[in-house]
Amino acid sequence: MRARREFRNRGDVEVAVLDALVDRAEEGMTVFEVRAAVDADIDDIETALAALKQDGLISVENGEDRVVILVDERVVPDPDAEQAADPGFLEALRDRLGL
């Protein structure tokens, strides 16, 4: 699943982190799980996580046995909303240009 459109006008690594966290919105992810899901350098992931936390798009919770990162519910798309499974050319171009 992908983050909502209004949150996709960020850097590539930030969007990749949001997308990974949206896929696991209920249970969250550890830093190691985020690192495994996002194809980027750990320093870039760390910078992305800091920016997302500062903007209030993610939160960090201490569980009993691990620390998890959770995505803010406003980033998660509405499952009832109709979404195209495969975006068309114009949709992909709009996303790439941040429109």
PDB file of N, CA and C in Angstrom:
ATOM      1  N   MET A   1       0.846  -1.164   0.000  1.00  0.00           N
ATOM      2  CA  MET A   1       0.000   0.000   0.000  1.00  0.00           C
ATOM      3  C   MET A   1       0.901   1.241   0.000  1.00  0.00           C
ATOM      4  N   ARG A   2       0.415   2.276  -0.586  1.00  0.00           N
ATOM      5  CA  ARG A   2       1.191   3.507  -0.658  1.00  0.00           C
ATOM      6  C   ARG A   2       0.584   4.571   0.239  1.00  0.00           C
ATOM      7  N   ALA A   3       1.434   5.468   0.715  1.00  0.00           N
ATOM      8  CA  ALA A   3       0.968   6.591   1.524  1.00  0.00           C
ATOM      9  C   ALA A   3       0.031   7.456   0.694  1.00  0.00           C
ATOM     10  N   ARG A   4      -0.816   8.194   1.363  1.00  0.00           N
ATOM     11  CA  ARG A   4      -1.748   9.077   0.662  1.00  0.00           C
ATOM     12  C   ARG A   4      -1.000  10.052  -0.233  1.00  0.00           C
ATOM     13  N   ARG A   5      -1.644  10.443  -1.288  1.00  0.00           N
ATOM     14  CA  ARG A   5      -1.057  11.310  -2.305  1.00  0.00           C
ATOM     15  C   ARG A   5      -0.483  12.609  -1.723  1.00  0.00           C
ATOM     16  N   GLU A   6      -1.181  13.224  -0.787  1.00  0.00           N
ATOM     17  CA  GLU A   6      -0.721  14.505  -0.243  1.00  0.00           C
ATOM     18  C   GLU A   6       0.578  14.405   0.559  1.00  0.00           C
ATOM     19  N   PHE A   7       1.011  13.187   0.857  1.00  0.00           N
ATOM     20  CA  PHE A   7       2.259  12.989   1.595  1.00  0.00           C
ATOM     21  C   PHE A   7       3.376  12.437   0.703  1.00  0.00           C
ATOM     22  N   ARG A   8       3.160  12.421  -0.595  1.00  0.00           N
ATOM     23  CA  ARG A   8       4.132  11.865  -1.522  1.00  0.00           C
ATOM     24  C   ARG A   8       5.035  12.922  -2.147  1.00  0.00           C
ATOM     25  N   ASN A   9       4.898  14.175  -1.742  1.00  0.00           N
ATOM     26  CA  ASN A   9       5.722  15.245  -2.300  1.00  0.00           C
ATOM     27  C   ASN A   9       6.960  15.496  -1.442  1.00  0.00           C
ATOM     28  N   ARG A  10       7.532  14.438  -0.948  1.00  0.00           N
ATOM     29  CA  ARG A  10       8.719  14.491  -0.101  1.00  0.00           C
ATOM     30  C   ARG A  10       9.866  13.806  -0.834  1.00  0.00           C
ATOM     31  N   GLY A  11      11.014  13.741  -0.205  1.00  0.00           N
ATOM     32  CA  GLY A  11      12.154  13.055  -0.796  1.00  0.00           C
ATOM     33  C   GLY A  11      11.862  11.575  -1.013  1.00  0.00           C
ATOM     34  N   ASP A  12      12.596  10.958  -1.920  1.00  0.00           N
ATOM     35  CA  ASP A  12      12.375   9.554  -2.263  1.00  0.00           C
ATOM     36  C   ASP A  12      12.488   8.624  -1.057  1.00  0.00           C
ATOM     37  N   VAL A  13      13.478   8.858  -0.214  1.00  0.00           N
ATOM     38  CA  VAL A  13      13.669   7.977   0.948  1.00  0.00           C
ATOM     39  C   VAL A  13      12.529   8.173   1.946  1.00  0.00           C
ATOM     40  N   GLU A  14      12.100   9.411   2.150  1.00  0.00           N
ATOM     41  CA  GLU A  14      10.983   9.661   3.066  1.00  0.00           C
ATOM     42  C   GLU A  14       9.715   8.980   2.571  1.00  0.00           C
ATOM     43  N   VAL A  15       9.450   9.051   1.275  1.00  0.00           N
ATOM     44  CA  VAL A  15       8.269   8.399   0.705  1.00  0.00           C
ATOM     45  C   VAL A  15       8.389   6.884   0.845  1.00  0.00           C
ATOM     46  N   ALA A  16       9.566   6.342   0.609  1.00  0.00           N
ATOM     47  CA  ALA A  16       9.771   4.899   0.750  1.00  0.00           C
ATOM     48  C   ALA A  16       9.542   4.457   2.197  1.00  0.00           C
ATOM     49  N   VAL A  17      10.001   5.246   3.149  1.00  0.00           N
ATOM     50  CA  VAL A  17       9.784   4.930   4.561  1.00  0.00           C
ATOM     51  C   VAL A  17       8.290   4.979   4.882  1.00  0.00           C
ATOM     52  N   LEU A  18       7.606   6.032   4.417  1.00  0.00           N
ATOM     53  CA  LEU A  18       6.164   6.132   4.665  1.00  0.00           C
ATOM     54  C   LEU A  18       5.419   4.950   4.061  1.00  0.00           C
ATOM     55  N   ASP A  19       5.773   4.583   2.834  1.00  0.00           N
ATOM     56  CA  ASP A  19       5.112   3.447   2.183  1.00  0.00           C
ATOM     57  C   ASP A  19       5.316   2.160   2.982  1.00  0.00           C
ATOM     58  N   ALA A  20       6.529   1.939   3.445  1.00  0.00           N
ATOM     59  CA  ALA A  20       6.813   0.734   4.235  1.00  0.00           C
ATOM     60  C   ALA A  20       6.000   0.736   5.528  1.00  0.00           C
ATOM     61  N   LEU A  21       5.924   1.883   6.176  1.00  0.00           N
ATOM     62  CA  LEU A  21       5.182   1.973   7.428  1.00  0.00           C
ATOM     63  C   LEU A  21       3.680   1.860   7.216  1.00  0.00           C
ATOM     64  N   VAL A  22       3.178   2.356   6.096  1.00  0.00           N
ATOM     65  CA  VAL A  22       1.752   2.218   5.786  1.00  0.00           C
ATOM     66  C   VAL A  22       1.395   0.750   5.627  1.00  0.00           C
ATOM     67  N   ASP A  23       2.289  -0.032   5.032  1.00  0.00           N
ATOM     68  CA  ASP A  23       2.046  -1.471   4.877  1.00  0.00           C
ATOM     69  C   ASP A  23       1.898  -2.171   6.218  1.00  0.00           C
ATOM     70  N   ARG A  24       2.526  -1.629   7.237  1.00  0.00           N
ATOM     71  CA  ARG A  24       2.478  -2.240   8.578  1.00  0.00           C
ATOM     72  C   ARG A  24       1.926  -1.240   9.591  1.00  0.00           C
ATOM     73  N   ALA A  25       0.883  -0.526   9.197  1.00  0.00           N
ATOM     74  CA  ALA A  25       0.333   0.570  10.005  1.00  0.00           C
ATOM     75  C   ALA A  25      -0.144   0.115  11.386  1.00  0.00           C
ATOM     76  N   GLU A  26      -0.693  -1.072  11.485  1.00  0.00           N
ATOM     77  CA  GLU A  26      -1.240  -1.538  12.763  1.00  0.00           C
ATOM     78  C   GLU A  26      -0.157  -1.893  13.779  1.00  0.00           C
ATOM     79  N   GLU A  27       0.837  -2.658  13.338  1.00  0.00           N
ATOM     80  CA  GLU A  27       1.845  -3.144  14.283  1.00  0.00           C
ATOM     81  C   GLU A  27       3.117  -2.310  14.313  1.00  0.00           C
ATOM     82  N   GLY A  28       3.328  -1.481  13.310  1.00  0.00           N
ATOM     83  CA  GLY A  28       4.543  -0.673  13.260  1.00  0.00           C
ATOM     84  C   GLY A  28       5.748  -1.497  12.846  1.00  0.00           C
ATOM     85  N   MET A  29       6.890  -0.840  12.797  1.00  0.00           N
ATOM     86  CA  MET A  29       8.129  -1.501  12.377  1.00  0.00           C
ATOM     87  C   MET A  29       9.279  -1.035  13.266  1.00  0.00           C
ATOM     88  N   THR A  30      10.249  -1.912  13.453  1.00  0.00           N
ATOM     89  CA  THR A  30      11.472  -1.518  14.137  1.00  0.00           C
ATOM     90  C   THR A  30      12.367  -0.809  13.125  1.00  0.00           C
ATOM     91  N   VAL A  31      13.416  -0.178  13.604  1.00  0.00           N
ATOM     92  CA  VAL A  31      14.363   0.473  12.703  1.00  0.00           C
ATOM     93  C   VAL A  31      14.976  -0.557  11.766  1.00  0.00           C
ATOM     94  N   PHE A  32      15.263  -1.741  12.275  1.00  0.00           N
ATOM     95  CA  PHE A  32      15.843  -2.790  11.447  1.00  0.00           C
ATOM     96  C   PHE A  32      14.884  -3.230  10.345  1.00  0.00           C
ATOM     97  N   GLU A  33      13.595  -3.310  10.660  1.00  0.00           N
ATOM     98  CA  GLU A  33      12.605  -3.679   9.653  1.00  0.00           C
ATOM     99  C   GLU A  33      12.466  -2.586   8.592  1.00  0.00           C
ATOM    100  N   VAL A  34      12.501  -1.338   9.021  1.00  0.00           N
ATOM    101  CA  VAL A  34      12.463  -0.227   8.060  1.00  0.00           C
ATOM    102  C   VAL A  34      13.679  -0.293   7.154  1.00  0.00           C
ATOM    103  N   ARG A  35      14.824  -0.529   7.743  1.00  0.00           N
ATOM    104  CA  ARG A  35      16.066  -0.607   6.963  1.00  0.00           C
ATOM    105  C   ARG A  35      15.992  -1.731   5.931  1.00  0.00           C
ATOM    106  N   ALA A  36      15.401  -2.861   6.313  1.00  0.00           N
ATOM    107  CA  ALA A  36      15.287  -3.984   5.380  1.00  0.00           C
ATOM    108  C   ALA A  36      14.277  -3.694   4.264  1.00  0.00           C
ATOM    109  N   ALA A  37      13.270  -2.891   4.559  1.00  0.00           N
ATOM    110  CA  ALA A  37      12.214  -2.612   3.587  1.00  0.00           C
ATOM    111  C   ALA A  37      12.556  -1.487   2.617  1.00  0.00           C
ATOM    112  N   VAL A  38      13.445  -0.578   3.039  1.00  0.00           N
ATOM    113  CA  VAL A  38      13.768   0.604   2.230  1.00  0.00           C
ATOM    114  C   VAL A  38      15.172   0.443   1.653  1.00  0.00           C
ATOM    115  N   ASP A  39      15.264   0.580   0.361  1.00  0.00           N
ATOM    116  CA  ASP A  39      16.549   0.446  -0.321  1.00  0.00           C
ATOM    117  C   ASP A  39      17.280   1.787  -0.302  1.00  0.00           C
ATOM    118  N   ALA A  40      17.924   2.055   0.837  1.00  0.00           N
ATOM    119  CA  ALA A  40      18.667   3.303   0.994  1.00  0.00           C
ATOM    120  C   ALA A  40      19.725   3.109   2.069  1.00  0.00           C
ATOM    121  N   ASP A  41      20.685   4.006   2.080  1.00  0.00           N
ATOM    122  CA  ASP A  41      21.743   4.003   3.074  1.00  0.00           C
ATOM    123  C   ASP A  41      21.148   4.292   4.450  1.00  0.00           C
ATOM    124  N   ILE A  42      21.697   3.699   5.492  1.00  0.00           N
ATOM    125  CA  ILE A  42      21.174   3.881   6.851  1.00  0.00           C
ATOM    126  C   ILE A  42      21.179   5.344   7.274  1.00  0.00           C
ATOM    127  N   ASP A  43      22.174   6.107   6.829  1.00  0.00           N
ATOM    128  CA  ASP A  43      22.206   7.535   7.169  1.00  0.00           C
ATOM    129  C   ASP A  43      21.043   8.278   6.518  1.00  0.00           C
ATOM    130  N   ASP A  44      20.704   7.910   5.287  1.00  0.00           N
ATOM    131  CA  ASP A  44      19.567   8.527   4.605  1.00  0.00           C
ATOM    132  C   ASP A  44      18.251   8.141   5.277  1.00  0.00           C
ATOM    133  N   ILE A  45      18.162   6.903   5.716  1.00  0.00           N
ATOM    134  CA  ILE A  45      16.955   6.460   6.419  1.00  0.00           C
ATOM    135  C   ILE A  45      16.820   7.198   7.741  1.00  0.00           C
ATOM    136  N   GLU A  46      17.921   7.344   8.456  1.00  0.00           N
ATOM    137  CA  GLU A  46      17.902   8.062   9.726  1.00  0.00           C
ATOM    138  C   GLU A  46      17.462   9.510   9.531  1.00  0.00           C
ATOM    139  N   THR A  47      17.987  10.159   8.502  1.00  0.00           N
ATOM    140  CA  THR A  47      17.604  11.540   8.193  1.00  0.00           C
ATOM    141  C   THR A  47      16.120  11.620   7.847  1.00  0.00           C
ATOM    142  N   ALA A  48      15.639  10.654   7.062  1.00  0.00           N
ATOM    143  CA  ALA A  48      14.224  10.620   6.685  1.00  0.00           C
ATOM    144  C   ALA A  48      13.340  10.420   7.912  1.00  0.00           C
ATOM    145  N   LEU A  49      13.727   9.506   8.787  1.00  0.00           N
ATOM    146  CA  LEU A  49      12.952   9.276  10.007  1.00  0.00           C
ATOM    147  C   LEU A  49      12.894  10.526  10.881  1.00  0.00           C
ATOM    148  N   ALA A  50      14.005  11.221  10.997  1.00  0.00           N
ATOM    149  CA  ALA A  50      14.031  12.448  11.797  1.00  0.00           C
ATOM    150  C   ALA A  50      13.100  13.505  11.202  1.00  0.00           C
ATOM    151  N   ALA A  51      13.118  13.661   9.888  1.00  0.00           N
ATOM    152  CA  ALA A  51      12.266  14.655   9.229  1.00  0.00           C
ATOM    153  C   ALA A  51      10.788  14.280   9.380  1.00  0.00           C
ATOM    154  N   LEU A  52      10.475  13.007   9.216  1.00  0.00           N
ATOM    155  CA  LEU A  52       9.092  12.556   9.339  1.00  0.00           C
ATOM    156  C   LEU A  52       8.584  12.714  10.765  1.00  0.00           C
ATOM    157  N   LYS A  53       9.433  12.445  11.732  1.00  0.00           N
ATOM    158  CA  LYS A  53       9.034  12.614  13.136  1.00  0.00           C
ATOM    159  C   LYS A  53       8.820  14.084  13.457  1.00  0.00           C
ATOM    160  N   GLN A  54       9.709  14.925  12.969  1.00  0.00           N
ATOM    161  CA  GLN A  54       9.593  16.365  13.210  1.00  0.00           C
ATOM    162  C   GLN A  54       8.290  16.915  12.614  1.00  0.00           C
ATOM    163  N   ASP A  55       7.874  16.371  11.477  1.00  0.00           N
ATOM    164  CA  ASP A  55       6.645  16.822  10.820  1.00  0.00           C
ATOM    165  C   ASP A  55       5.394  16.131  11.369  1.00  0.00           C
ATOM    166  N   GLY A  56       5.565  15.255  12.351  1.00  0.00           N
ATOM    167  CA  GLY A  56       4.434  14.597  12.986  1.00  0.00           C
ATOM    168  C   GLY A  56       3.804  13.492  12.158  1.00  0.00           C
ATOM    169  N   LEU A  57       4.542  12.942  11.206  1.00  0.00           N
ATOM    170  CA  LEU A  57       3.995  11.894  10.356  1.00  0.00           C
ATOM    171  C   LEU A  57       4.281  10.497  10.891  1.00  0.00           C
ATOM    172  N   ILE A  58       5.203  10.393  11.831  1.00  0.00           N
ATOM    173  CA  ILE A  58       5.481   9.117  12.487  1.00  0.00           C
ATOM    174  C   ILE A  58       5.621   9.359  13.988  1.00  0.00           C
ATOM    175  N   SER A  59       5.487   8.285  14.742  1.00  0.00           N
ATOM    176  CA  SER A  59       5.734   8.348  16.183  1.00  0.00           C
ATOM    177  C   SER A  59       6.529   7.108  16.574  1.00  0.00           C
ATOM    178  N   VAL A  60       7.178   7.189  17.709  1.00  0.00           N
ATOM    179  CA  VAL A  60       7.992   6.082  18.207  1.00  0.00           C
ATOM    180  C   VAL A  60       7.402   5.648  19.540  1.00  0.00           C
ATOM    181  N   GLU A  61       7.146   4.354  19.666  1.00  0.00           N
ATOM    182  CA  GLU A  61       6.581   3.810  20.898  1.00  0.00           C
ATOM    183  C   GLU A  61       7.482   2.728  21.459  1.00  0.00           C
ATOM    184  N   ASN A  62       7.667   2.760  22.765  1.00  0.00           N
ATOM    185  CA  ASN A  62       8.438   1.732  23.457  1.00  0.00           C
ATOM    186  C   ASN A  62       7.489   0.622  23.866  1.00  0.00           C
ATOM    187  N   GLY A  63       7.675  -0.546  23.264  1.00  0.00           N
ATOM    188  CA  GLY A  63       6.877  -1.713  23.632  1.00  0.00           C
ATOM    189  C   GLY A  63       7.551  -2.456  24.756  1.00  0.00           C
ATOM    190  N   GLU A  64       7.006  -3.602  25.096  1.00  0.00           N
ATOM    191  CA  GLU A  64       7.586  -4.405  26.160  1.00  0.00           C
ATOM    192  C   GLU A  64       8.976  -4.907  25.810  1.00  0.00           C
ATOM    193  N   ASP A  65       9.134  -5.324  24.557  1.00  0.00           N
ATOM    194  CA  ASP A  65      10.408  -5.922  24.175  1.00  0.00           C
ATOM    195  C   ASP A  65      11.099  -5.224  23.007  1.00  0.00           C
ATOM    196  N   ARG A  66      10.462  -4.206  22.417  1.00  0.00           N
ATOM    197  CA  ARG A  66      11.086  -3.521  21.290  1.00  0.00           C
ATOM    198  C   ARG A  66      10.506  -2.128  21.100  1.00  0.00           C
ATOM    199  N   VAL A  67      11.242  -1.319  20.397  1.00  0.00           N
ATOM    200  CA  VAL A  67      10.818   0.031  20.042  1.00  0.00           C
ATOM    201  C   VAL A  67      10.288  -0.018  18.615  1.00  0.00           C
ATOM    202  N   VAL A  68       9.070   0.491  18.406  1.00  0.00           N
ATOM    203  CA  VAL A  68       8.477   0.449  17.068  1.00  0.00           C
ATOM    204  C   VAL A  68       8.157   1.852  16.576  1.00  0.00           C
ATOM    205  N   ILE A  69       8.219   1.993  15.263  1.00  0.00           N
ATOM    206  CA  ILE A  69       7.882   3.238  14.602  1.00  0.00           C
ATOM    207  C   ILE A  69       6.508   3.049  13.985  1.00  0.00           C
ATOM    208  N   LEU A  70       5.607   3.977  14.258  1.00  0.00           N
ATOM    209  CA  LEU A  70       4.249   3.911  13.739  1.00  0.00           C
ATOM    210  C   LEU A  70       3.983   5.112  12.845  1.00  0.00           C
ATOM    211  N   VAL A  71       3.252   4.890  11.782  1.00  0.00           N
ATOM    212  CA  VAL A  71       2.881   5.969  10.880  1.00  0.00           C
ATOM    213  C   VAL A  71       1.608   6.626  11.409  1.00  0.00           C
ATOM    214  N   ASP A  72       1.499   7.936  11.244  1.00  0.00           N
ATOM    215  CA  ASP A  72       0.308   8.660  11.661  1.00  0.00           C
ATOM    216  C   ASP A  72      -0.873   8.210  10.804  1.00  0.00           C
ATOM    217  N   GLU A  73      -2.042   8.090  11.408  1.00  0.00           N
ATOM    218  CA  GLU A  73      -3.212   7.564  10.694  1.00  0.00           C
ATOM    219  C   GLU A  73      -3.639   8.416   9.499  1.00  0.00           C
ATOM    220  N   ARG A  74      -3.301   9.699   9.502  1.00  0.00           N
ATOM    221  CA  ARG A  74      -3.689  10.546   8.369  1.00  0.00           C
ATOM    222  C   ARG A  74      -2.889  10.232   7.105  1.00  0.00           C
ATOM    223  N   VAL A  75      -1.779   9.504   7.248  1.00  0.00           N
ATOM    224  CA  VAL A  75      -0.951   9.121   6.100  1.00  0.00           C
ATOM    225  C   VAL A  75      -1.492   7.857   5.430  1.00  0.00           C
ATOM    226  N   VAL A  76      -2.217   7.050   6.185  1.00  0.00           N
ATOM    227  CA  VAL A  76      -2.738   5.781   5.686  1.00  0.00           C
ATOM    228  C   VAL A  76      -3.968   6.053   4.820  1.00  0.00           C
ATOM    229  N   PRO A  77      -3.980   5.554   3.578  1.00  0.00           N
ATOM    230  CA  PRO A  77      -5.139   5.779   2.717  1.00  0.00           C
ATOM    231  C   PRO A  77      -6.374   5.061   3.235  1.00  0.00           C
ATOM    232  N   ASP A  78      -7.522   5.607   2.917  1.00  0.00           N
ATOM    233  CA  ASP A  78      -8.792   5.018   3.303  1.00  0.00           C
ATOM    234  C   ASP A  78      -9.005   3.743   2.500  1.00  0.00           C
ATOM    235  N   PRO A  79      -9.146   2.600   3.158  1.00  0.00           N
ATOM    236  CA  PRO A  79      -9.302   1.343   2.410  1.00  0.00           C
ATOM    237  C   PRO A  79     -10.607   1.290   1.626  1.00  0.00           C
ATOM    238  N   ASP A  80     -11.596   2.090   2.000  1.00  0.00           N
ATOM    239  CA  ASP A  80     -12.870   2.103   1.297  1.00  0.00           C
ATOM    240  C   ASP A  80     -12.826   2.953   0.030  1.00  0.00           C
ATOM    241  N   ALA A  81     -11.829   3.842  -0.045  1.00  0.00           N
ATOM    242  CA  ALA A  81     -11.714   4.692  -1.227  1.00  0.00           C
ATOM    243  C   ALA A  81     -11.241   3.852  -2.409  1.00  0.00           C
ATOM    244  N   GLU A  82     -11.809   4.124  -3.542  1.00  0.00           N
ATOM    245  CA  GLU A  82     -11.427   3.374  -4.733  1.00  0.00           C
ATOM    246  C   GLU A  82     -10.079   3.864  -5.218  1.00  0.00           C
ATOM    247  N   GLN A  83      -9.132   2.943  -5.346  1.00  0.00           N
ATOM    248  CA  GLN A  83      -7.797   3.282  -5.808  1.00  0.00           C
ATOM    249  C   GLN A  83      -7.441   2.388  -6.980  1.00  0.00           C
ATOM    250  N   ALA A  84      -6.781   2.969  -7.952  1.00  0.00           N
ATOM    251  CA  ALA A  84      -6.329   2.181  -9.102  1.00  0.00           C
ATOM    252  C   ALA A  84      -5.186   1.291  -8.669  1.00  0.00           C
ATOM    253  N   ALA A  85      -5.241   0.024  -9.055  1.00  0.00           N
ATOM    254  CA  ALA A  85      -4.183  -0.910  -8.692  1.00  0.00           C
ATOM    255  C   ALA A  85      -2.877  -0.569  -9.392  1.00  0.00           C
ATOM    256  N   ASP A  86      -2.979  -0.112 -10.620  1.00  0.00           N
ATOM    257  CA  ASP A  86      -1.796   0.238 -11.388  1.00  0.00           C
ATOM    258  C   ASP A  86      -2.004   1.644 -11.933  1.00  0.00           C
ATOM    259  N   PRO A  87      -1.278   2.636 -11.403  1.00  0.00           N
ATOM    260  CA  PRO A  87      -1.515   4.008 -11.860  1.00  0.00           C
ATOM    261  C   PRO A  87      -1.158   4.160 -13.337  1.00  0.00           C
ATOM    262  N   GLY A  88      -1.920   5.001 -14.012  1.00  0.00           N
ATOM    263  CA  GLY A  88      -1.663   5.259 -15.415  1.00  0.00           C
ATOM    264  C   GLY A  88      -0.444   6.141 -15.592  1.00  0.00           C
ATOM    265  N   PHE A  89      -0.108   6.370 -16.833  1.00  0.00           N
ATOM    266  CA  PHE A  89       1.071   7.162 -17.157  1.00  0.00           C
ATOM    267  C   PHE A  89       0.978   8.572 -16.570  1.00  0.00           C
ATOM    268  N   LEU A  90      -0.174   9.235 -16.754  1.00  0.00           N
ATOM    269  CA  LEU A  90      -0.322  10.602 -16.240  1.00  0.00           C
ATOM    270  C   LEU A  90      -0.258  10.640 -14.721  1.00  0.00           C
ATOM    271  N   GLU A  91      -0.851   9.651 -14.077  1.00  0.00           N
ATOM    272  CA  GLU A  91      -0.809   9.575 -12.610  1.00  0.00           C
ATOM    273  C   GLU A  91       0.625   9.410 -12.120  1.00  0.00           C
ATOM    274  N   ALA A  92       1.375   8.543 -12.759  1.00  0.00           N
ATOM    275  CA  ALA A  92       2.772   8.333 -12.381  1.00  0.00           C
ATOM    276  C   ALA A  92       3.596   9.595 -12.619  1.00  0.00           C
ATOM    277  N   LEU A  93       3.318  10.296 -13.698  1.00  0.00           N
ATOM    278  CA  LEU A  93       4.028  11.538 -14.002  1.00  0.00           C
ATOM    279  C   LEU A  93       3.697  12.611 -12.969  1.00  0.00           C
ATOM    280  N   ARG A  94       2.436  12.725 -12.589  1.00  0.00           N
ATOM    281  CA  ARG A  94       2.032  13.693 -11.547  1.00  0.00           C
ATOM    282  C   ARG A  94       2.735  13.385 -10.227  1.00  0.00           C
ATOM    283  N   ASP A  95       2.773  12.120  -9.854  1.00  0.00           N
ATOM    284  CA  ASP A  95       3.445  11.739  -8.617  1.00  0.00           C
ATOM    285  C   ASP A  95       4.915  12.080  -8.665  1.00  0.00           C
ATOM    286  N   ARG A  96       5.547  11.804  -9.791  1.00  0.00           N
ATOM    287  CA  ARG A  96       6.984  12.056  -9.941  1.00  0.00           C
ATOM    288  C   ARG A  96       7.293  13.549  -9.876  1.00  0.00           C
ATOM    289  N   LEU A  97       6.410  14.370 -10.429  1.00  0.00           N
ATOM    290  CA  LEU A  97       6.626  15.815 -10.434  1.00  0.00           C
ATOM    291  C   LEU A  97       6.104  16.493  -9.166  1.00  0.00           C
ATOM    292  N   GLY A  98       5.414  15.718  -8.338  1.00  0.00           N
ATOM    293  CA  GLY A  98       4.919  16.273  -7.082  1.00  0.00           C
ATOM    294  C   GLY A  98       3.695  17.151  -7.261  1.00  0.00           C
ATOM    295  N   LEU A  99       2.901  16.857  -8.249  1.00  0.00           N
ATOM    296  CA  LEU A  99       1.686  17.655  -8.504  1.00  0.00           C
ATOM    297  C   LEU A  99       0.470  17.013  -7.903  1.00  0.00           C
TER     298      LEU A  99
END
